[in-house]
N, C-alpha and C. Protein backbone atom coordinates (compact mmCIF):
# COMPACT_ATOMS: atom_id res chain seq x y z
N MET A 1 0.96 -1.10 -0.25
CA MET A 1 0.14 0.42 0.17
C MET A 1 1.03 0.88 -0.26
N PHE A 2 0.60 2.04 -0.71
CA PHE A 2 1.65 3.53 -0.61
C PHE A 2 1.39 4.31 0.57
N ARG A 3 2.45 4.61 0.55
CA ARG A 3 2.01 5.56 2.10
C ARG A 3 1.79 7.03 1.41
N LYS A 4 0.59 7.19 2.57
CA LYS A 4 -0.52 8.25 2.55
C LYS A 4 -0.18 9.73 2.88
N ASN A 5 0.14 11.02 2.10
CA ASN A 5 0.60 11.52 3.01
C ASN A 5 -0.37 12.25 3.60
N LYS A 6 0.25 12.83 4.86
CA LYS A 6 -0.68 13.67 5.98
C LYS A 6 -1.62 15.00 5.41
N SER A 7 -0.85 15.40 4.28
CA SER A 7 -1.28 16.63 3.92
C SER A 7 -1.79 16.84 2.15
N TYR A 8 -1.49 15.84 2.02
CA TYR A 8 -1.70 15.71 0.14
C TYR A 8 -1.58 13.97 0.11
N ASP A 9 -2.86 14.01 -0.77
CA ASP A 9 -2.76 12.31 -0.98
C ASP A 9 -3.03 12.43 -2.79
N TYR A 10 -1.84 11.97 -3.18
CA TYR A 10 -1.56 11.81 -4.57
C TYR A 10 -2.16 11.01 -5.10
N ILE A 11 -2.50 9.51 -4.33
CA ILE A 11 -2.89 8.57 -4.98
C ILE A 11 -4.85 8.77 -5.40
N TYR A 12 -5.22 9.44 -4.34
CA TYR A 12 -6.55 10.07 -4.73
C TYR A 12 -6.48 11.00 -5.64
N GLU A 13 -5.57 11.99 -5.40
CA GLU A 13 -5.48 13.02 -6.89
C GLU A 13 -5.45 12.42 -8.47
N PHE A 14 -5.01 11.15 -8.45
CA PHE A 14 -4.78 10.36 -9.59
C PHE A 14 -6.27 10.16 -10.27
N ASP A 15 -7.38 9.47 -8.87
CA ASP A 15 -8.37 9.01 -9.36
C ASP A 15 -9.22 9.91 -9.49
N LYS A 16 -9.01 11.41 -9.13
CA LYS A 16 -9.91 12.68 -9.16
C LYS A 16 -9.85 13.33 -10.56
N LEU A 17 -8.32 13.18 -10.69
CA LEU A 17 -7.55 13.87 -12.42
C LEU A 17 -8.59 13.15 -13.32
N SER A 18 -8.67 11.58 -13.05
CA SER A 18 -9.23 10.42 -14.04
C SER A 18 -11.04 10.73 -13.90
N GLN A 19 -11.53 11.50 -12.77
CA GLN A 19 -12.64 11.43 -13.47
C GLN A 19 -13.36 12.77 -14.13
N PHE A 20 -12.68 13.54 -14.49
CA PHE A 20 -12.58 14.31 -15.39
C PHE A 20 -12.40 13.85 -16.94
N SER A 21 -11.39 12.74 -17.26
CA SER A 21 -11.71 12.24 -17.93
C SER A 21 -13.19 11.50 -18.28
N VAL A 22 -13.44 10.87 -17.54
CA VAL A 22 -15.14 10.07 -17.48
C VAL A 22 -16.11 11.52 -17.78
N GLU A 23 -15.94 12.25 -16.92
CA GLU A 23 -16.90 13.63 -17.14
C GLU A 23 -17.03 14.02 -18.41
N ALA A 24 -15.67 14.37 -19.00
CA ALA A 24 -15.44 14.79 -20.69
C ALA A 24 -16.16 13.64 -21.85
N ALA A 25 -15.37 12.72 -21.29
CA ALA A 25 -16.22 11.54 -22.17
C ALA A 25 -17.81 11.10 -21.96
N GLU A 26 -18.19 11.37 -21.08
CA GLU A 26 -19.75 10.93 -21.29
C GLU A 26 -20.45 12.21 -21.38
N PHE A 27 -19.91 13.59 -21.57
CA PHE A 27 -20.29 15.04 -21.91
C PHE A 27 -20.28 14.75 -23.83
N LEU A 28 -19.35 14.24 -24.00
CA LEU A 28 -18.93 13.98 -25.56
C LEU A 28 -20.17 13.29 -25.98
N ASP A 29 -20.32 11.96 -25.34
CA ASP A 29 -21.15 10.79 -26.02
C ASP A 29 -23.02 11.75 -25.79
N SER A 30 -22.71 12.26 -24.92
CA SER A 30 -24.15 13.13 -24.58
C SER A 30 -24.40 14.34 -25.86
N ALA A 31 -23.15 14.98 -25.65
CA ALA A 31 -23.43 16.27 -26.90
C ALA A 31 -23.17 15.67 -28.11
N LEU A 32 -22.67 14.62 -28.88
CA LEU A 32 -22.83 14.07 -29.98
C LEU A 32 -24.17 13.45 -30.36
N LYS A 33 -24.98 12.88 -29.67
CA LYS A 33 -26.41 12.35 -29.85
C LYS A 33 -27.08 13.16 -30.03
N SER A 34 -26.88 14.42 -29.70
CA SER A 34 -28.00 15.41 -29.55
C SER A 34 -27.53 16.70 -30.83
N HIS A 35 -26.37 16.08 -31.53
CA HIS A 35 -25.65 17.01 -32.21
C HIS A 35 -26.60 18.03 -33.25
N SER A 36 -25.99 19.28 -33.18
CA SER A 36 -26.51 20.18 -34.20
C SER A 36 -25.31 21.43 -34.37
N ARG A 37 -25.31 21.53 -35.38
CA ARG A 37 -24.15 22.69 -35.73
C ARG A 37 -24.28 24.34 -34.92
N GLU A 38 -25.73 24.27 -34.82
CA GLU A 38 -25.91 25.15 -33.68
C GLU A 38 -25.84 25.64 -32.48
N SER A 39 -25.49 24.18 -31.93
CA SER A 39 -25.47 24.15 -30.54
C SER A 39 -23.53 24.06 -30.44
N MET A 40 -23.02 23.98 -31.28
CA MET A 40 -21.45 23.56 -31.00
C MET A 40 -20.48 24.51 -30.36
N PRO A 41 -21.31 25.72 -30.25
CA PRO A 41 -20.51 26.67 -29.58
C PRO A 41 -20.17 26.51 -28.32
N GLU A 42 -21.95 26.45 -27.61
CA GLU A 42 -22.25 26.06 -26.57
C GLU A 42 -21.53 24.35 -26.00
N MET A 43 -21.83 23.81 -26.51
CA MET A 43 -21.02 22.23 -26.37
C MET A 43 -19.59 22.21 -26.02
N ILE A 44 -18.66 23.18 -27.23
CA ILE A 44 -17.44 23.41 -26.94
C ILE A 44 -16.76 24.06 -25.86
N ARG A 45 -17.96 25.27 -25.14
CA ARG A 45 -17.52 25.87 -24.03
C ARG A 45 -17.45 24.90 -22.78
N LYS A 46 -18.60 24.15 -23.00
CA LYS A 46 -18.67 23.35 -21.33
C LYS A 46 -18.00 22.23 -21.68
N MET A 47 -17.38 21.73 -22.56
CA MET A 47 -16.24 20.90 -22.56
C MET A 47 -15.23 21.47 -22.36
N HIS A 48 -14.81 22.93 -22.75
CA HIS A 48 -13.57 23.34 -22.00
C HIS A 48 -13.72 23.47 -21.00
N GLU A 49 -14.96 24.11 -19.92
CA GLU A 49 -15.06 23.95 -18.57
C GLU A 49 -14.28 22.93 -17.78
N ILE A 50 -14.38 21.77 -18.49
CA ILE A 50 -14.42 20.32 -17.99
C ILE A 50 -12.49 20.09 -18.08
N GLU A 51 -12.02 20.28 -19.23
CA GLU A 51 -10.86 20.04 -19.42
C GLU A 51 -10.30 21.21 -18.63
N HIS A 52 -10.67 22.48 -18.54
CA HIS A 52 -9.98 23.37 -17.73
C HIS A 52 -9.77 23.32 -16.23
N ALA A 53 -10.80 22.55 -15.91
CA ALA A 53 -11.04 22.18 -14.24
C ALA A 53 -10.11 21.16 -13.91
N ALA A 54 -9.95 20.23 -14.88
CA ALA A 54 -8.56 19.11 -15.08
C ALA A 54 -7.09 19.83 -14.99
N ASP A 55 -7.01 20.91 -15.67
CA ASP A 55 -5.68 21.66 -15.72
C ASP A 55 -5.50 22.14 -14.40
N VAL A 56 -6.50 22.64 -13.85
CA VAL A 56 -6.21 23.63 -12.59
C VAL A 56 -5.77 22.26 -11.35
N GLU A 57 -6.62 21.24 -11.18
CA GLU A 57 -6.39 20.05 -10.83
C GLU A 57 -4.89 19.60 -10.45
N LYS A 58 -4.35 19.34 -11.99
CA LYS A 58 -3.12 19.38 -12.55
C LYS A 58 -2.12 20.08 -11.56
N ARG A 59 -2.26 21.31 -11.56
CA ARG A 59 -1.33 22.24 -11.53
C ARG A 59 -1.37 22.11 -9.85
N GLU A 60 -2.14 22.20 -9.31
CA GLU A 60 -2.23 22.03 -7.71
C GLU A 60 -1.39 20.85 -7.34
N MET A 61 -1.47 19.67 -8.25
CA MET A 61 -0.38 18.47 -7.77
C MET A 61 0.97 18.71 -7.82
N HIS A 62 1.28 19.49 -9.24
CA HIS A 62 2.32 19.92 -9.24
C HIS A 62 2.92 20.90 -8.05
N LYS A 63 2.36 22.02 -7.78
CA LYS A 63 2.88 22.89 -7.08
C LYS A 63 3.07 21.96 -5.48
N ASN A 64 1.86 21.01 -5.19
CA ASN A 64 2.26 20.17 -3.74
C ASN A 64 3.75 19.39 -4.50
N LEU A 65 4.26 19.02 -5.35
CA LEU A 65 5.14 18.06 -5.74
C LEU A 65 6.26 18.69 -5.30
N ILE A 66 6.48 20.18 -5.53
CA ILE A 66 7.47 20.85 -6.01
C ILE A 66 8.11 20.93 -4.48
N LYS A 67 7.39 21.01 -3.23
CA LYS A 67 7.60 20.87 -2.28
C LYS A 67 7.79 19.83 -1.26
N GLU A 68 7.79 18.54 -2.23
CA GLU A 68 7.25 17.52 -1.29
C GLU A 68 8.56 16.65 -0.95
N PHE A 69 8.93 16.67 0.31
CA PHE A 69 10.28 15.93 0.62
C PHE A 69 10.48 14.59 0.19
N LEU A 70 8.90 13.46 0.28
CA LEU A 70 9.04 12.32 0.35
C LEU A 70 7.54 11.86 -0.25
N PRO A 71 7.33 11.98 -1.49
CA PRO A 71 6.02 11.56 -2.10
C PRO A 71 6.24 9.95 -2.53
N PRO A 72 4.77 9.45 -2.01
CA PRO A 72 4.35 7.77 -1.71
C PRO A 72 5.10 7.42 -3.03
N ILE A 73 5.27 7.66 -4.52
CA ILE A 73 5.96 6.80 -5.55
C ILE A 73 6.69 8.35 -6.20
N GLU A 74 7.62 8.19 -6.75
CA GLU A 74 8.60 8.69 -7.07
C GLU A 74 7.70 9.57 -8.02
N LYS A 75 8.88 10.86 -8.06
CA LYS A 75 8.35 12.44 -8.63
C LYS A 75 8.09 12.01 -10.15
N ASP A 76 9.06 11.52 -10.80
CA ASP A 76 8.70 11.27 -12.15
C ASP A 76 7.54 10.58 -12.48
N ASP A 77 7.35 9.54 -11.95
CA ASP A 77 6.14 8.66 -12.02
C ASP A 77 5.00 9.53 -11.63
N ILE A 78 4.85 10.33 -10.87
CA ILE A 78 3.34 10.78 -10.24
C ILE A 78 3.66 12.30 -11.53
N ILE A 79 4.30 13.14 -11.76
CA ILE A 79 4.52 13.87 -13.21
C ILE A 79 4.45 13.16 -14.40
N ARG A 80 4.49 12.09 -14.51
CA ARG A 80 4.28 11.66 -15.83
C ARG A 80 2.89 10.95 -15.83
N LEU A 81 2.35 10.63 -14.87
CA LEU A 81 1.16 9.76 -14.64
C LEU A 81 -0.07 11.19 -14.96
N SER A 82 0.24 12.34 -14.48
CA SER A 82 -0.81 12.78 -14.20
C SER A 82 -0.55 13.39 -15.61
N HIS A 83 0.35 13.72 -16.57
CA HIS A 83 0.21 14.38 -17.68
C HIS A 83 -0.25 13.32 -18.44
N GLU A 84 -0.32 11.95 -18.41
CA GLU A 84 -0.89 10.97 -18.93
C GLU A 84 -2.31 11.05 -19.09
N ILE A 85 -3.00 11.28 -17.68
CA ILE A 85 -4.31 11.42 -17.57
C ILE A 85 -4.99 12.38 -18.19
N ASP A 86 -4.19 13.95 -18.34
CA ASP A 86 -4.63 14.89 -18.22
C ASP A 86 -4.51 14.67 -20.13
N ASN A 87 -3.98 14.09 -20.46
CA ASN A 87 -4.07 13.71 -21.97
C ASN A 87 -4.55 12.96 -22.75
N VAL A 88 -5.28 12.17 -21.70
CA VAL A 88 -7.20 11.57 -21.95
C VAL A 88 -8.11 12.69 -22.02
N THR A 89 -8.31 13.44 -21.01
CA THR A 89 -9.20 14.77 -21.04
C THR A 89 -9.34 15.22 -22.19
N ASP A 90 -7.75 15.82 -22.46
CA ASP A 90 -7.72 17.05 -23.80
C ASP A 90 -8.02 15.99 -25.15
N SER A 91 -7.79 14.65 -25.26
CA SER A 91 -7.90 13.83 -26.27
C SER A 91 -9.11 14.07 -26.79
N VAL A 92 -10.28 13.77 -25.56
CA VAL A 92 -11.70 13.67 -25.56
C VAL A 92 -12.00 15.32 -25.96
N GLU A 93 -11.73 16.12 -25.61
CA GLU A 93 -11.93 17.51 -26.14
C GLU A 93 -11.72 17.81 -27.35
N ASP A 94 -10.71 17.08 -28.01
CA ASP A 94 -10.24 17.27 -29.34
C ASP A 94 -11.20 16.90 -30.43
N VAL A 95 -11.73 15.71 -29.94
CA VAL A 95 -13.20 15.13 -30.75
C VAL A 95 -13.90 16.05 -31.38
N LEU A 96 -14.56 16.94 -29.81
CA LEU A 96 -15.62 17.92 -30.23
C LEU A 96 -14.97 19.08 -31.00
N ILE A 97 -13.83 19.36 -30.97
CA ILE A 97 -13.25 20.37 -31.51
C ILE A 97 -12.96 20.06 -32.78
N ALA A 98 -13.14 18.64 -33.49
CA ALA A 98 -12.25 18.23 -34.62
C ALA A 98 -14.15 18.40 -35.22
N VAL A 99 -15.17 17.63 -34.80
CA VAL A 99 -16.69 17.84 -35.60
C VAL A 99 -16.99 19.37 -35.63
N ASP A 100 -16.29 20.31 -34.57
CA ASP A 100 -16.64 21.85 -35.14
C ASP A 100 -15.79 22.43 -35.90
N ILE A 101 -14.62 22.05 -36.11
CA ILE A 101 -14.05 22.49 -37.25
C ILE A 101 -14.27 22.19 -38.30
N PHE A 102 -14.68 20.75 -38.69
CA PHE A 102 -15.08 20.41 -39.71
C PHE A 102 -16.45 20.29 -40.49
N ALA A 103 -17.02 21.14 -39.28
CA ALA A 103 -18.35 21.42 -39.84
C ALA A 103 -19.15 20.62 -40.23
N VAL A 104 -19.12 19.25 -39.85
CA VAL A 104 -20.05 18.10 -40.17
C VAL A 104 -21.40 18.31 -39.98
N ASP A 105 -22.39 17.96 -40.89
CA ASP A 105 -23.50 17.58 -40.65
C ASP A 105 -24.36 16.34 -40.22
N SER A 106 -23.76 15.22 -40.39
CA SER A 106 -24.30 14.00 -39.97
C SER A 106 -23.35 13.21 -38.99
N ILE A 107 -23.79 12.71 -38.03
CA ILE A 107 -23.09 12.29 -36.59
C ILE A 107 -23.34 10.43 -36.86
N TYR A 108 -22.53 9.70 -38.03
CA TYR A 108 -22.59 8.44 -38.01
C TYR A 108 -22.87 7.66 -37.05
N PRO A 109 -23.83 6.21 -37.27
CA PRO A 109 -23.43 5.29 -35.85
C PRO A 109 -21.81 4.87 -35.51
N GLU A 110 -21.21 4.62 -36.20
CA GLU A 110 -19.85 4.50 -35.70
C GLU A 110 -19.12 5.28 -35.17
N VAL A 111 -19.74 6.54 -35.06
CA VAL A 111 -19.56 8.13 -34.22
C VAL A 111 -19.79 7.40 -32.44
N MET A 112 -21.16 7.02 -32.76
CA MET A 112 -21.48 6.89 -31.44
C MET A 112 -21.32 5.82 -30.83
N GLU A 113 -20.70 4.69 -31.79
CA GLU A 113 -19.88 3.35 -31.28
C GLU A 113 -18.88 3.82 -30.40
N PHE A 114 -18.16 4.72 -30.97
CA PHE A 114 -16.96 5.00 -30.54
C PHE A 114 -16.88 5.58 -29.19
N THR A 115 -17.81 6.57 -29.07
CA THR A 115 -17.98 7.69 -27.96
C THR A 115 -18.61 6.80 -26.97
N LYS A 116 -19.39 5.59 -27.14
CA LYS A 116 -19.82 5.33 -25.80
C LYS A 116 -18.42 4.04 -25.39
N LEU A 117 -17.57 3.33 -26.52
CA LEU A 117 -16.40 2.65 -26.08
C LEU A 117 -15.42 3.67 -25.34
N ILE A 118 -15.38 4.63 -25.63
CA ILE A 118 -14.45 6.07 -24.74
C ILE A 118 -14.82 5.93 -23.39
N ALA A 119 -15.77 6.34 -23.50
CA ALA A 119 -16.65 6.43 -21.79
C ALA A 119 -16.32 5.40 -21.00
N ASP A 120 -16.74 4.20 -21.78
CA ASP A 120 -16.49 2.78 -21.00
C ASP A 120 -14.89 2.90 -20.40
N CYS A 121 -14.22 2.69 -21.36
CA CYS A 121 -12.73 3.01 -21.62
C CYS A 121 -12.29 3.99 -20.49
N CYS A 122 -12.83 5.32 -20.52
CA CYS A 122 -12.48 5.89 -19.13
C CYS A 122 -12.80 5.58 -17.65
N ARG A 123 -13.94 5.10 -17.74
CA ARG A 123 -14.50 4.61 -16.63
C ARG A 123 -13.69 3.25 -15.98
N HIS A 124 -13.02 2.66 -16.61
CA HIS A 124 -12.30 1.38 -16.33
C HIS A 124 -10.66 1.87 -15.93
N MET A 125 -10.27 3.15 -16.36
CA MET A 125 -9.32 3.14 -16.38
C MET A 125 -9.39 4.34 -14.96
N ASN A 126 -10.56 4.99 -14.74
CA ASN A 126 -10.56 5.30 -13.81
C ASN A 126 -10.87 5.06 -12.45
N LEU A 127 -11.31 3.30 -12.50
CA LEU A 127 -11.44 2.43 -11.56
C LEU A 127 -10.01 1.88 -11.03
N ALA A 128 -9.20 1.90 -12.56
CA ALA A 128 -7.74 0.75 -12.13
C ALA A 128 -7.26 2.23 -11.47
N LEU A 129 -6.96 3.49 -11.60
CA LEU A 129 -6.31 4.28 -10.77
C LEU A 129 -7.09 4.78 -9.21
N ALA A 130 -8.17 4.22 -9.09
CA ALA A 130 -8.60 4.29 -7.56
C ALA A 130 -8.38 2.95 -6.91
N GLU A 131 -7.88 1.86 -7.76
CA GLU A 131 -7.71 0.75 -6.80
C GLU A 131 -5.88 0.68 -6.51
N LEU A 132 -5.29 1.95 -7.18
CA LEU A 132 -3.67 2.17 -6.65
C LEU A 132 -3.78 2.20 -5.25
N LYS A 133 -4.53 3.01 -4.57
CA LYS A 133 -3.95 3.15 -2.88
C LYS A 133 -4.35 1.93 -2.20
N ASP A 134 -4.33 0.57 -2.49
CA ASP A 134 -4.53 -0.47 -1.96
C ASP A 134 -4.37 -1.82 -2.95
N TYR A 135 -3.33 -1.43 -3.79
CA TYR A 135 -2.72 -2.16 -4.98
C TYR A 135 -2.34 -4.13 -4.37
N ARG A 136 -1.60 -3.80 -3.36
CA ARG A 136 -1.05 -5.26 -3.02
C ARG A 136 -2.68 -5.90 -2.93
N ASN A 137 -3.70 -5.62 -2.20
CA ASN A 137 -4.46 -6.27 -1.82
C ASN A 137 -5.99 -5.81 -2.79
N SER A 138 -5.35 -5.56 -3.66
CA SER A 138 -6.62 -5.11 -4.59
C SER A 138 -6.85 -6.51 -5.51
N THR A 139 -8.32 -7.39 -5.55
CA THR A 139 -8.79 -8.33 -6.23
C THR A 139 -9.15 -7.82 -7.73
N VAL A 140 -8.89 -6.62 -7.94
CA VAL A 140 -9.50 -6.05 -9.38
C VAL A 140 -8.85 -5.00 -10.12
N LEU A 141 -7.76 -4.92 -9.68
CA LEU A 141 -6.57 -4.21 -10.33
C LEU A 141 -6.20 -4.23 -11.77
N PHE A 142 -5.80 -5.33 -11.72
CA PHE A 142 -5.51 -6.17 -12.94
C PHE A 142 -6.71 -6.36 -13.78
N GLU A 143 -7.54 -6.45 -13.47
CA GLU A 143 -9.01 -7.04 -14.30
C GLU A 143 -9.20 -5.30 -14.77
N GLN A 144 -9.36 -4.35 -14.15
CA GLN A 144 -9.36 -3.23 -15.22
C GLN A 144 -8.19 -2.55 -16.00
N LEU A 145 -7.24 -2.87 -15.68
CA LEU A 145 -6.01 -2.76 -16.87
C LEU A 145 -6.44 -3.38 -18.22
N ASP A 146 -6.91 -4.86 -18.18
CA ASP A 146 -7.22 -5.62 -18.70
C ASP A 146 -8.52 -5.40 -19.89
N LYS A 147 -9.59 -4.49 -18.76
CA LYS A 147 -10.51 -4.24 -19.80
C LYS A 147 -10.17 -2.84 -21.06
N VAL A 148 -9.07 -1.77 -20.18
CA VAL A 148 -8.87 -0.81 -20.75
C VAL A 148 -8.41 -1.66 -22.16
N ASN A 149 -7.16 -2.39 -21.87
CA ASN A 149 -6.75 -2.73 -23.16
C ASN A 149 -7.47 -3.69 -24.27
N GLU A 150 -8.52 -4.08 -23.46
CA GLU A 150 -9.70 -4.65 -24.86
C GLU A 150 -10.43 -3.47 -25.37
N HIS A 151 -10.69 -2.39 -24.40
CA HIS A 151 -11.06 -1.94 -25.33
C HIS A 151 -10.42 -0.57 -26.18
N LYS A 152 -8.86 -0.70 -26.07
CA LYS A 152 -7.80 -0.10 -26.78
C LYS A 152 -8.16 -1.11 -28.30
N SER A 153 -8.37 -2.31 -27.75
CA SER A 153 -7.85 -2.90 -29.18
C SER A 153 -9.56 -2.90 -30.11
N GLU A 154 -10.52 -2.91 -29.41
CA GLU A 154 -11.64 -2.88 -29.90
C GLU A 154 -11.61 -1.31 -30.94
N GLY A 155 -11.25 -0.10 -30.02
CA GLY A 155 -10.97 1.22 -30.77
C GLY A 155 -10.38 1.13 -32.08
N LYS A 156 -9.24 0.22 -32.11
CA LYS A 156 -8.31 0.09 -33.34
C LYS A 156 -8.89 -0.49 -34.51
N ALA A 157 -9.98 -1.31 -34.19
CA ALA A 157 -10.66 -2.40 -34.86
C ALA A 157 -11.64 -1.21 -35.28
N LEU A 158 -12.21 -0.89 -34.59
CA LEU A 158 -13.58 0.17 -35.10
C LEU A 158 -13.13 1.15 -35.87
N PHE A 159 -11.63 1.76 -35.71
CA PHE A 159 -11.22 2.86 -36.48
C PHE A 159 -11.23 2.20 -37.78
N VAL A 160 -10.55 1.21 -38.16
CA VAL A 160 -10.38 0.55 -39.08
C VAL A 160 -11.28 -0.03 -40.03
N SER A 161 -12.41 -0.43 -39.03
CA SER A 161 -13.73 -0.57 -40.08
C SER A 161 -14.35 0.88 -40.45
N SER A 162 -14.49 1.46 -39.51
CA SER A 162 -14.91 3.03 -39.88
C SER A 162 -14.18 3.76 -41.26
N ILE A 163 -12.89 3.56 -41.43
CA ILE A 163 -12.41 4.18 -42.38
C ILE A 163 -12.59 3.49 -43.53
N ARG A 164 -12.70 2.26 -43.74
CA ARG A 164 -13.01 1.90 -44.77
C ARG A 164 -14.41 1.52 -45.23
N ASN A 165 -15.44 1.89 -44.33
CA ASN A 165 -16.93 2.41 -44.69
C ASN A 165 -17.07 3.41 -45.27
N LEU A 166 -16.20 4.69 -45.05
CA LEU A 166 -16.73 6.04 -45.41
C LEU A 166 -16.60 6.35 -47.24
N ARG A 167 -15.65 5.27 -47.75
CA ARG A 167 -15.74 5.27 -49.19
C ARG A 167 -17.36 4.60 -49.63
N GLN A 168 -17.87 3.88 -49.01
CA GLN A 168 -19.38 3.65 -49.41
C GLN A 168 -20.51 4.45 -48.98
N VAL A 169 -19.96 5.82 -48.22
CA VAL A 169 -21.25 6.49 -47.92
C VAL A 169 -20.65 7.83 -48.57
N LEU A 170 -19.67 8.07 -48.74
CA LEU A 170 -19.49 9.27 -49.19
C LEU A 170 -18.46 9.52 -50.67
N ASP A 171 -18.50 10.47 -51.26
CA ASP A 171 -17.87 10.33 -52.29
C ASP A 171 -16.85 11.78 -52.60
N ASP A 172 -17.50 12.89 -52.03
CA ASP A 172 -16.43 13.86 -51.87
C ASP A 172 -15.27 13.77 -50.90
N PRO A 173 -13.94 13.99 -51.53
CA PRO A 173 -12.89 13.95 -50.48
C PRO A 173 -12.73 14.63 -49.51
N VAL A 174 -12.89 15.78 -49.41
CA VAL A 174 -12.70 16.65 -48.43
C VAL A 174 -13.89 16.10 -47.47
N ASP A 175 -15.00 15.60 -47.45
CA ASP A 175 -15.86 15.29 -46.48
C ASP A 175 -14.70 13.66 -45.85
N ILE A 176 -14.44 13.16 -46.82
CA ILE A 176 -13.39 11.71 -46.07
C ILE A 176 -12.48 12.11 -45.33
N MET A 177 -12.31 13.09 -45.70
CA MET A 177 -10.77 13.68 -44.89
C MET A 177 -11.23 13.79 -43.88
N ALA A 178 -12.29 14.65 -43.50
CA ALA A 178 -13.08 15.43 -42.37
C ALA A 178 -13.24 14.26 -41.24
N TYR A 179 -14.16 12.88 -42.19
CA TYR A 179 -14.93 12.42 -41.33
C TYR A 179 -13.50 11.53 -40.73
N SER A 180 -12.08 11.13 -41.41
CA SER A 180 -10.85 10.24 -41.03
C SER A 180 -10.62 10.89 -40.26
N GLU A 181 -10.36 12.25 -39.64
CA GLU A 181 -9.43 13.16 -38.67
C GLU A 181 -10.34 12.59 -37.30
N ILE A 182 -11.69 12.74 -37.58
CA ILE A 182 -12.33 12.79 -36.41
C ILE A 182 -12.23 11.17 -36.06
N TYR A 183 -12.30 10.32 -36.76
CA TYR A 183 -12.09 8.83 -36.37
C TYR A 183 -10.71 8.52 -35.79
N LYS A 184 -9.70 9.32 -36.18
CA LYS A 184 -8.53 9.32 -35.51
C LYS A 184 -8.67 10.09 -34.17
N SER A 185 -9.18 11.30 -34.74
CA SER A 185 -9.39 11.53 -32.68
C SER A 185 -9.98 10.63 -31.70
N LEU A 186 -10.81 10.20 -32.28
CA LEU A 186 -12.06 9.13 -31.63
C LEU A 186 -10.80 7.91 -30.82
N GLN A 187 -9.74 7.39 -32.00
CA GLN A 187 -9.07 6.56 -31.81
C GLN A 187 -8.02 6.90 -30.70
N ASP A 188 -7.64 8.04 -30.74
CA ASP A 188 -6.48 8.72 -29.82
C ASP A 188 -6.81 8.62 -28.58
N CYS A 189 -8.19 8.82 -28.34
CA CYS A 189 -8.89 8.57 -26.73
C CYS A 189 -8.58 7.16 -26.30
N CYS A 190 -8.90 6.23 -26.90
CA CYS A 190 -8.46 4.88 -26.03
C CYS A 190 -7.27 4.48 -26.16
N GLU A 191 -6.42 4.72 -27.13
CA GLU A 191 -4.72 5.06 -27.03
C GLU A 191 -4.03 5.54 -26.09
N ASN A 192 -4.58 6.98 -25.50
CA ASN A 192 -4.38 7.42 -24.31
C ASN A 192 -4.80 6.70 -23.23
N CYS A 193 -5.97 6.16 -22.82
CA CYS A 193 -6.26 5.69 -21.77
C CYS A 193 -5.37 4.17 -21.62
N LYS A 194 -4.95 3.62 -22.78
CA LYS A 194 -3.99 2.49 -22.84
C LYS A 194 -2.84 3.19 -22.08
N ILE A 195 -2.34 4.34 -22.70
CA ILE A 195 -0.94 4.33 -22.22
C ILE A 195 -0.70 4.82 -20.22
N VAL A 196 -1.90 5.47 -20.24
CA VAL A 196 -2.22 5.55 -18.58
C VAL A 196 -1.89 4.22 -17.95
N THR A 197 -2.78 3.42 -18.35
CA THR A 197 -2.60 1.91 -17.58
C THR A 197 -1.63 1.68 -17.93
N ASN A 198 -0.80 1.22 -18.88
CA ASN A 198 0.65 0.66 -19.07
C ASN A 198 1.18 1.71 -18.19
N THR A 199 1.48 2.88 -17.75
CA THR A 199 1.85 3.53 -16.72
C THR A 199 1.46 2.54 -15.56
N VAL A 200 0.32 2.89 -15.11
CA VAL A 200 0.17 2.29 -13.64
C VAL A 200 0.51 0.93 -13.47
N GLU A 201 0.31 -0.05 -14.69
CA GLU A 201 0.93 -1.51 -14.43
C GLU A 201 2.74 -0.96 -13.87
N ARG A 202 3.19 -0.46 -14.54
CA ARG A 202 4.42 0.06 -14.47
C ARG A 202 4.85 0.53 -13.15
N ILE A 203 4.06 1.24 -12.51
CA ILE A 203 4.74 2.02 -11.59
C ILE A 203 4.21 0.99 -10.27
N VAL A 204 3.33 -0.22 -10.43
CA VAL A 204 2.91 -0.94 -9.63
C VAL A 204 3.87 -2.43 -9.47
N MET A 205 4.38 -2.70 -10.81
CA MET A 205 5.35 -3.83 -9.99
C MET A 205 6.61 -3.02 -9.75
N LYS A 206 6.78 -1.54 -9.98
CA LYS A 206 8.25 -1.17 -9.60
C LYS A 206 8.08 -1.75 -8.25
N ASN A 207 6.98 -1.63 -7.49
CA ASN A 207 6.52 -1.15 -5.90
C ASN A 207 6.44 -2.60 -4.94
N LEU A 208 6.00 -3.76 -6.14
CA LEU A 208 5.60 -4.85 -5.56
C LEU A 208 6.89 -5.37 -4.11
């Protein structure tokens, strides 16, 4: 079990940071279900509020780490993991930005399949991070890590099939390029969740 700092609980903060990722992913799914070009400025604003709150939380962690004498895990691991969790939230926001930039009119079923997958991936990532507090006795930590890995693989397969299907529903090269970029940004979310859980696994193995 990682030692808990009396004044600042870094392990709890990893959990808290990843909750912003879950919130962003669930908001993305909701926003695209009711997508309209007219609503995008408000959706972008709300999403940015989530991303900004995550940044504030991460900066607070780093401020505490600067003056920390003996953190529960290596400072480099804390910095790395906090950035990687933040990258998940950023990548979810990037999906909505891409939809807005390319001004797409239609949200295809594959996109909604992706947003559901991303939300599930973020939830399992969050559960894995929550289990760090008692990793030696956890019975579900590696189960959550495996779930994220499964979702990452599902995301890769969904990306390939979605890109292949574009040629069947679109003729305009510009539209094909736009949706290709959107699908790539969706896949990046799953990839970034896996990067987080890879680091979690490495930290746990180092401290067993």
